[in-house]
């Protein structure tokens, strides 16, 4: 994968997660409304707590973008990809199981699909050495 595409990917997912996480912390009900989701009002503090984790994944991805922009060690980006893929994969599996058990709205499937797509992209990238190729 070439450098501009790799950097664009990192910026897109990093900004997306960082903004979503920050919004979940500050205004969880508003954020869920933007996502087309509804949860009971008493669960909003827990969604703010989850927002901290979403924000941390976004910041990790933005760190990956910084590594790319400064032509840092490909190993650093690979670690970011591995750890964020583990987190995203766990979230995707959890959401799909909860949707199938009818404990969560089907609208959460968009989050599961997005996280699953990122896991797939990053797994392929790790297997094919995209970070090392872009660093050349």
N, C-alpha and C. Protein backbone atom coordinates (compact mmCIF):
# COMPACT_ATOMS: atom_id res chain seq x y z
N UNK A 1 0.86 -1.18 0.00
CA UNK A 1 0.00 0.00 0.00
C UNK A 1 0.90 1.24 0.00
N UNK A 2 0.54 2.24 -0.78
CA UNK A 2 1.40 3.41 -0.85
C UNK A 2 1.15 4.35 0.33
N UNK A 3 2.10 5.24 0.56
CA UNK A 3 2.11 6.11 1.72
C UNK A 3 0.87 6.99 1.85
N UNK A 4 0.44 7.71 0.81
CA UNK A 4 -0.74 8.57 0.97
C UNK A 4 -2.01 7.81 1.35
N UNK A 5 -2.21 6.64 0.78
CA UNK A 5 -3.40 5.84 1.11
C UNK A 5 -3.32 5.36 2.55
N UNK A 6 -2.16 4.89 2.96
CA UNK A 6 -1.96 4.42 4.32
C UNK A 6 -2.19 5.55 5.32
N UNK A 7 -1.65 6.71 5.03
CA UNK A 7 -1.83 7.87 5.90
C UNK A 7 -3.31 8.28 5.94
N UNK A 8 -3.96 8.29 4.80
CA UNK A 8 -5.38 8.63 4.74
C UNK A 8 -6.23 7.68 5.55
N UNK A 9 -5.92 6.39 5.45
CA UNK A 9 -6.65 5.37 6.22
C UNK A 9 -6.49 5.64 7.71
N UNK A 10 -5.26 5.86 8.14
CA UNK A 10 -5.00 6.10 9.57
C UNK A 10 -5.71 7.35 10.05
N UNK A 11 -5.66 8.41 9.27
CA UNK A 11 -6.33 9.66 9.66
C UNK A 11 -7.85 9.48 9.72
N UNK A 12 -8.40 8.79 8.74
CA UNK A 12 -9.84 8.57 8.69
C UNK A 12 -10.33 7.79 9.91
N UNK A 13 -9.71 6.66 10.18
CA UNK A 13 -10.19 5.85 11.31
C UNK A 13 -9.83 6.51 12.64
N UNK A 14 -8.68 7.17 12.70
CA UNK A 14 -8.28 7.83 13.93
C UNK A 14 -9.20 8.97 14.30
N UNK A 15 -9.47 9.84 13.33
CA UNK A 15 -10.36 10.98 13.58
C UNK A 15 -11.78 10.50 13.87
N UNK A 16 -12.23 9.52 13.13
CA UNK A 16 -13.58 8.99 13.33
C UNK A 16 -13.76 8.46 14.75
N UNK A 17 -12.84 7.65 15.20
CA UNK A 17 -12.95 7.09 16.55
C UNK A 17 -12.70 8.13 17.63
N UNK A 18 -11.74 9.01 17.43
CA UNK A 18 -11.45 10.03 18.44
C UNK A 18 -12.64 10.96 18.62
N UNK A 19 -13.23 11.40 17.53
CA UNK A 19 -14.39 12.30 17.63
C UNK A 19 -15.59 11.57 18.23
N UNK A 20 -15.84 10.34 17.77
CA UNK A 20 -16.96 9.57 18.32
C UNK A 20 -16.77 9.33 19.81
N UNK A 21 -15.55 8.94 20.20
CA UNK A 21 -15.28 8.70 21.61
C UNK A 21 -15.47 9.95 22.45
N UNK A 22 -14.95 11.07 21.98
CA UNK A 22 -15.09 12.33 22.72
C UNK A 22 -16.57 12.71 22.83
N UNK A 23 -17.32 12.55 21.75
CA UNK A 23 -18.75 12.86 21.79
C UNK A 23 -19.51 11.93 22.73
N UNK A 24 -19.13 10.65 22.75
CA UNK A 24 -19.77 9.72 23.68
C UNK A 24 -19.50 10.12 25.13
N UNK A 25 -18.33 10.64 25.39
CA UNK A 25 -18.00 11.08 26.75
C UNK A 25 -18.81 12.32 27.12
N UNK A 26 -18.84 13.29 26.22
CA UNK A 26 -19.44 14.60 26.50
C UNK A 26 -20.96 14.59 26.35
N UNK A 27 -21.44 13.98 25.28
CA UNK A 27 -22.88 14.02 24.96
C UNK A 27 -23.34 12.68 24.40
N UNK A 28 -23.43 11.65 25.25
CA UNK A 28 -23.75 10.31 24.74
C UNK A 28 -25.12 10.21 24.05
N UNK A 29 -26.13 10.87 24.59
CA UNK A 29 -27.46 10.77 23.98
C UNK A 29 -27.48 11.40 22.59
N UNK A 30 -26.86 12.56 22.45
CA UNK A 30 -26.75 13.24 21.16
C UNK A 30 -25.99 12.37 20.16
N UNK A 31 -24.89 11.78 20.60
CA UNK A 31 -24.05 10.95 19.73
C UNK A 31 -24.84 9.74 19.23
N UNK A 32 -25.55 9.09 20.12
CA UNK A 32 -26.34 7.93 19.71
C UNK A 32 -27.46 8.33 18.75
N UNK A 33 -28.04 9.50 18.98
CA UNK A 33 -29.06 9.99 18.06
C UNK A 33 -28.48 10.18 16.67
N UNK A 34 -27.24 10.72 16.58
CA UNK A 34 -26.57 10.87 15.29
C UNK A 34 -26.36 9.51 14.61
N UNK A 35 -26.14 8.50 15.43
CA UNK A 35 -25.91 7.15 14.91
C UNK A 35 -27.23 6.41 14.64
N UNK A 36 -28.36 7.05 14.97
CA UNK A 36 -29.65 6.42 14.75
C UNK A 36 -29.97 5.35 15.77
N UNK A 37 -29.41 5.48 16.97
CA UNK A 37 -29.60 4.47 18.01
C UNK A 37 -30.27 5.08 19.23
N UNK A 38 -30.91 4.23 20.00
CA UNK A 38 -31.56 4.67 21.23
C UNK A 38 -31.22 3.66 22.33
N UNK A 39 -30.90 4.18 23.49
CA UNK A 39 -30.67 3.33 24.67
C UNK A 39 -31.40 3.95 25.84
N UNK A 40 -31.68 3.16 26.86
CA UNK A 40 -32.32 3.71 28.06
C UNK A 40 -31.45 4.81 28.68
N UNK A 41 -32.08 5.83 29.20
CA UNK A 41 -31.37 6.98 29.76
C UNK A 41 -30.41 6.57 30.88
N UNK A 42 -30.78 5.57 31.67
CA UNK A 42 -29.91 5.18 32.78
C UNK A 42 -28.63 4.48 32.33
N UNK A 43 -28.53 4.14 31.06
CA UNK A 43 -27.30 3.51 30.55
C UNK A 43 -26.31 4.53 29.98
N UNK A 44 -26.71 5.80 29.91
CA UNK A 44 -25.85 6.83 29.31
C UNK A 44 -24.50 7.00 30.02
N UNK A 45 -24.44 6.94 31.35
CA UNK A 45 -23.11 7.04 31.98
C UNK A 45 -22.16 5.92 31.55
N UNK A 46 -22.70 4.74 31.32
CA UNK A 46 -21.86 3.62 30.88
C UNK A 46 -21.37 3.84 29.45
N UNK A 47 -22.21 4.46 28.63
CA UNK A 47 -21.79 4.77 27.26
C UNK A 47 -20.70 5.84 27.26
N UNK A 48 -20.75 6.75 28.20
CA UNK A 48 -19.67 7.73 28.33
C UNK A 48 -18.37 7.01 28.70
N UNK A 49 -18.46 6.03 29.57
CA UNK A 49 -17.30 5.22 29.95
C UNK A 49 -16.74 4.49 28.73
N UNK A 50 -17.62 3.91 27.92
CA UNK A 50 -17.19 3.24 26.69
C UNK A 50 -16.55 4.24 25.74
N UNK A 51 -17.05 5.47 25.75
CA UNK A 51 -16.47 6.53 24.93
C UNK A 51 -14.99 6.73 25.19
N UNK A 52 -14.57 6.53 26.44
CA UNK A 52 -13.15 6.66 26.77
C UNK A 52 -12.33 5.60 26.02
N UNK A 53 -12.86 4.42 25.89
CA UNK A 53 -12.16 3.36 25.15
C UNK A 53 -12.14 3.65 23.66
N UNK A 54 -13.26 4.14 23.12
CA UNK A 54 -13.33 4.49 21.71
C UNK A 54 -12.34 5.62 21.42
N UNK A 55 -12.29 6.59 22.30
CA UNK A 55 -11.33 7.70 22.15
C UNK A 55 -9.90 7.17 22.15
N UNK A 56 -9.60 6.23 23.03
CA UNK A 56 -8.23 5.72 23.10
C UNK A 56 -7.84 4.96 21.83
N UNK A 57 -8.77 4.24 21.22
CA UNK A 57 -8.48 3.57 19.95
C UNK A 57 -8.23 4.62 18.87
N UNK A 58 -9.04 5.66 18.86
CA UNK A 58 -8.84 6.74 17.89
C UNK A 58 -7.50 7.42 18.05
N UNK A 59 -7.11 7.69 19.29
CA UNK A 59 -5.81 8.32 19.53
C UNK A 59 -4.66 7.40 19.13
N UNK A 60 -4.82 6.10 19.36
CA UNK A 60 -3.80 5.15 18.93
C UNK A 60 -3.66 5.17 17.41
N UNK A 61 -4.79 5.24 16.71
CA UNK A 61 -4.74 5.30 15.25
C UNK A 61 -4.13 6.61 14.76
N UNK A 62 -4.42 7.70 15.45
CA UNK A 62 -3.79 8.98 15.09
C UNK A 62 -2.29 8.94 15.35
N UNK A 63 -1.88 8.23 16.39
CA UNK A 63 -0.45 8.03 16.61
C UNK A 63 0.15 7.27 15.43
N UNK A 64 -0.57 6.28 14.93
CA UNK A 64 -0.12 5.55 13.74
C UNK A 64 0.04 6.47 12.55
N UNK A 65 -0.87 7.43 12.40
CA UNK A 65 -0.75 8.41 11.31
C UNK A 65 0.49 9.28 11.51
N UNK A 66 0.77 9.64 12.73
CA UNK A 66 1.97 10.43 13.04
C UNK A 66 3.24 9.65 12.69
N UNK A 67 3.24 8.37 13.00
CA UNK A 67 4.39 7.51 12.67
C UNK A 67 4.59 7.49 11.16
N UNK A 68 3.50 7.35 10.41
CA UNK A 68 3.60 7.32 8.95
C UNK A 68 4.10 8.66 8.43
N UNK A 69 3.51 9.75 8.92
CA UNK A 69 3.87 11.08 8.43
C UNK A 69 5.33 11.42 8.67
N UNK A 70 5.88 10.91 9.76
CA UNK A 70 7.28 11.19 10.10
C UNK A 70 8.23 10.08 9.66
N UNK A 71 7.68 9.18 8.85
CA UNK A 71 8.48 8.05 8.34
C UNK A 71 9.17 7.30 9.48
N UNK A 72 8.37 7.06 10.53
CA UNK A 72 8.90 6.34 11.69
C UNK A 72 9.02 4.85 11.41
N UNK A 73 9.37 4.13 12.42
CA UNK A 73 9.55 2.69 12.31
C UNK A 73 8.26 1.98 11.92
N UNK A 74 8.29 1.16 10.88
CA UNK A 74 7.10 0.40 10.49
C UNK A 74 6.61 -0.50 11.63
N UNK A 75 7.53 -0.92 12.49
CA UNK A 75 7.14 -1.77 13.62
C UNK A 75 6.15 -1.08 14.54
N UNK A 76 6.29 0.24 14.70
CA UNK A 76 5.37 0.98 15.56
C UNK A 76 3.96 0.94 14.98
N UNK A 77 3.83 1.14 13.68
CA UNK A 77 2.51 1.08 13.05
C UNK A 77 1.94 -0.33 13.14
N UNK A 78 2.78 -1.32 12.97
CA UNK A 78 2.32 -2.70 13.06
C UNK A 78 1.78 -3.02 14.45
N UNK A 79 2.40 -2.49 15.49
CA UNK A 79 1.90 -2.70 16.86
C UNK A 79 0.55 -2.00 17.03
N UNK A 80 0.44 -0.77 16.52
CA UNK A 80 -0.85 -0.06 16.57
C UNK A 80 -1.92 -0.90 15.89
N UNK A 81 -1.61 -1.40 14.70
CA UNK A 81 -2.58 -2.20 13.96
C UNK A 81 -2.96 -3.47 14.71
N UNK A 82 -2.00 -4.15 15.26
CA UNK A 82 -2.29 -5.39 15.98
C UNK A 82 -3.19 -5.13 17.18
N UNK A 83 -2.83 -4.15 17.99
CA UNK A 83 -3.59 -3.90 19.21
C UNK A 83 -4.98 -3.33 18.92
N UNK A 84 -5.08 -2.42 17.96
CA UNK A 84 -6.41 -1.89 17.64
C UNK A 84 -7.28 -2.94 16.94
N UNK A 85 -6.66 -3.83 16.17
CA UNK A 85 -7.43 -4.92 15.54
C UNK A 85 -7.98 -5.88 16.60
N UNK A 86 -7.21 -6.15 17.63
CA UNK A 86 -7.70 -7.01 18.71
C UNK A 86 -8.91 -6.35 19.38
N UNK A 87 -8.80 -5.06 19.67
CA UNK A 87 -9.90 -4.34 20.29
C UNK A 87 -11.12 -4.31 19.39
N UNK A 88 -10.91 -3.93 18.13
CA UNK A 88 -12.03 -3.85 17.19
C UNK A 88 -12.67 -5.21 16.94
N UNK A 89 -11.85 -6.24 16.84
CA UNK A 89 -12.39 -7.59 16.65
C UNK A 89 -13.25 -8.02 17.82
N UNK A 90 -12.80 -7.71 19.02
CA UNK A 90 -13.58 -8.04 20.22
C UNK A 90 -14.91 -7.31 20.23
N UNK A 91 -14.88 -6.04 19.86
CA UNK A 91 -16.10 -5.24 19.81
C UNK A 91 -17.05 -5.81 18.76
N UNK A 92 -16.54 -6.11 17.58
CA UNK A 92 -17.40 -6.63 16.51
C UNK A 92 -18.05 -7.95 16.91
N UNK A 93 -17.29 -8.85 17.50
CA UNK A 93 -17.84 -10.14 17.94
C UNK A 93 -18.90 -9.93 19.02
N UNK A 94 -18.60 -9.08 19.99
CA UNK A 94 -19.56 -8.80 21.06
C UNK A 94 -20.86 -8.25 20.48
N UNK A 95 -20.74 -7.24 19.61
CA UNK A 95 -21.94 -6.62 19.05
C UNK A 95 -22.79 -7.61 18.25
N UNK A 96 -22.15 -8.41 17.41
CA UNK A 96 -22.90 -9.38 16.61
C UNK A 96 -23.63 -10.38 17.51
N UNK A 97 -22.95 -10.87 18.54
CA UNK A 97 -23.61 -11.83 19.43
C UNK A 97 -24.78 -11.18 20.17
N UNK A 98 -24.62 -9.93 20.58
CA UNK A 98 -25.70 -9.24 21.30
C UNK A 98 -26.86 -8.88 20.38
N UNK A 99 -26.57 -8.57 19.14
CA UNK A 99 -27.64 -8.30 18.16
C UNK A 99 -28.41 -9.59 17.88
N UNK A 100 -27.69 -10.68 17.68
CA UNK A 100 -28.35 -11.97 17.43
C UNK A 100 -29.18 -12.42 18.63
N UNK A 101 -28.72 -12.10 19.84
CA UNK A 101 -29.47 -12.45 21.05
C UNK A 101 -30.60 -11.45 21.32
N UNK A 102 -30.73 -10.46 20.45
CA UNK A 102 -31.74 -9.41 20.53
C UNK A 102 -31.62 -8.56 21.79
N UNK A 103 -30.38 -8.40 22.27
CA UNK A 103 -30.12 -7.53 23.40
C UNK A 103 -29.74 -6.12 22.96
N UNK A 104 -29.36 -5.98 21.69
CA UNK A 104 -29.02 -4.67 21.12
C UNK A 104 -29.77 -4.50 19.81
N UNK A 105 -30.05 -3.23 19.47
CA UNK A 105 -30.73 -2.91 18.22
C UNK A 105 -29.88 -3.31 17.01
N UNK A 106 -30.53 -3.62 15.93
CA UNK A 106 -29.83 -3.98 14.69
C UNK A 106 -28.97 -2.83 14.19
N UNK A 107 -29.28 -1.61 14.57
CA UNK A 107 -28.48 -0.45 14.16
C UNK A 107 -27.03 -0.52 14.61
N UNK A 108 -26.76 -1.28 15.66
CA UNK A 108 -25.38 -1.46 16.12
C UNK A 108 -24.55 -2.26 15.12
N UNK A 109 -25.22 -2.89 14.17
CA UNK A 109 -24.51 -3.67 13.16
C UNK A 109 -23.55 -2.80 12.34
N UNK A 110 -23.88 -1.53 12.16
CA UNK A 110 -22.97 -0.64 11.41
C UNK A 110 -21.63 -0.50 12.14
N UNK A 111 -21.67 -0.47 13.47
CA UNK A 111 -20.43 -0.40 14.24
C UNK A 111 -19.65 -1.71 14.08
N UNK A 112 -20.36 -2.82 14.18
CA UNK A 112 -19.71 -4.13 14.04
C UNK A 112 -19.09 -4.30 12.66
N UNK A 113 -19.78 -3.87 11.62
CA UNK A 113 -19.27 -3.98 10.25
C UNK A 113 -18.05 -3.09 10.06
N UNK A 114 -18.13 -1.86 10.56
CA UNK A 114 -17.00 -0.94 10.44
C UNK A 114 -15.78 -1.49 11.15
N UNK A 115 -15.96 -1.94 12.39
CA UNK A 115 -14.83 -2.50 13.13
C UNK A 115 -14.30 -3.77 12.45
N UNK A 116 -15.21 -4.60 11.97
CA UNK A 116 -14.78 -5.82 11.28
C UNK A 116 -14.00 -5.51 10.01
N UNK A 117 -14.43 -4.50 9.27
CA UNK A 117 -13.71 -4.10 8.06
C UNK A 117 -12.30 -3.61 8.40
N UNK A 118 -12.18 -2.85 9.47
CA UNK A 118 -10.85 -2.37 9.89
C UNK A 118 -9.96 -3.54 10.29
N UNK A 119 -10.54 -4.51 10.99
CA UNK A 119 -9.77 -5.71 11.38
C UNK A 119 -9.26 -6.42 10.13
N UNK A 120 -10.13 -6.58 9.15
CA UNK A 120 -9.76 -7.26 7.91
C UNK A 120 -8.66 -6.51 7.17
N UNK A 121 -8.82 -5.19 7.03
CA UNK A 121 -7.81 -4.38 6.35
C UNK A 121 -6.46 -4.48 7.07
N UNK A 122 -6.49 -4.35 8.37
CA UNK A 122 -5.24 -4.36 9.13
C UNK A 122 -4.61 -5.75 9.16
N UNK A 123 -5.41 -6.79 9.19
CA UNK A 123 -4.87 -8.15 9.15
C UNK A 123 -4.18 -8.41 7.81
N UNK A 124 -4.83 -8.00 6.73
CA UNK A 124 -4.22 -8.15 5.40
C UNK A 124 -2.94 -7.32 5.33
N UNK A 125 -3.01 -6.09 5.83
CA UNK A 125 -1.84 -5.22 5.83
C UNK A 125 -0.68 -5.77 6.63
N UNK A 126 -0.98 -6.35 7.78
CA UNK A 126 0.09 -6.95 8.59
C UNK A 126 0.69 -8.16 7.88
N UNK A 127 -0.18 -8.97 7.31
CA UNK A 127 0.31 -10.18 6.62
C UNK A 127 1.16 -9.83 5.40
N UNK A 128 0.80 -8.74 4.70
CA UNK A 128 1.51 -8.37 3.47
C UNK A 128 2.58 -7.31 3.66
N UNK A 129 2.82 -6.91 4.89
CA UNK A 129 3.90 -5.96 5.17
C UNK A 129 3.68 -4.57 4.61
N UNK A 130 2.43 -4.08 4.62
CA UNK A 130 2.15 -2.77 4.05
C UNK A 130 2.92 -1.66 4.73
N UNK A 131 3.07 -1.74 6.04
CA UNK A 131 3.78 -0.67 6.77
C UNK A 131 5.23 -0.57 6.32
N UNK A 132 5.87 -1.72 6.18
CA UNK A 132 7.28 -1.73 5.75
C UNK A 132 7.41 -1.26 4.31
N UNK A 133 6.47 -1.64 3.44
CA UNK A 133 6.53 -1.20 2.04
C UNK A 133 6.34 0.30 1.91
N UNK A 134 5.43 0.85 2.71
CA UNK A 134 5.17 2.29 2.64
C UNK A 134 6.32 3.11 3.20
N UNK A 135 7.09 2.52 4.09
CA UNK A 135 8.21 3.23 4.73
C UNK A 135 9.39 3.40 3.76
N UNK A 136 9.40 2.66 2.69
CA UNK A 136 10.53 2.73 1.74
C UNK A 136 10.47 3.95 0.89
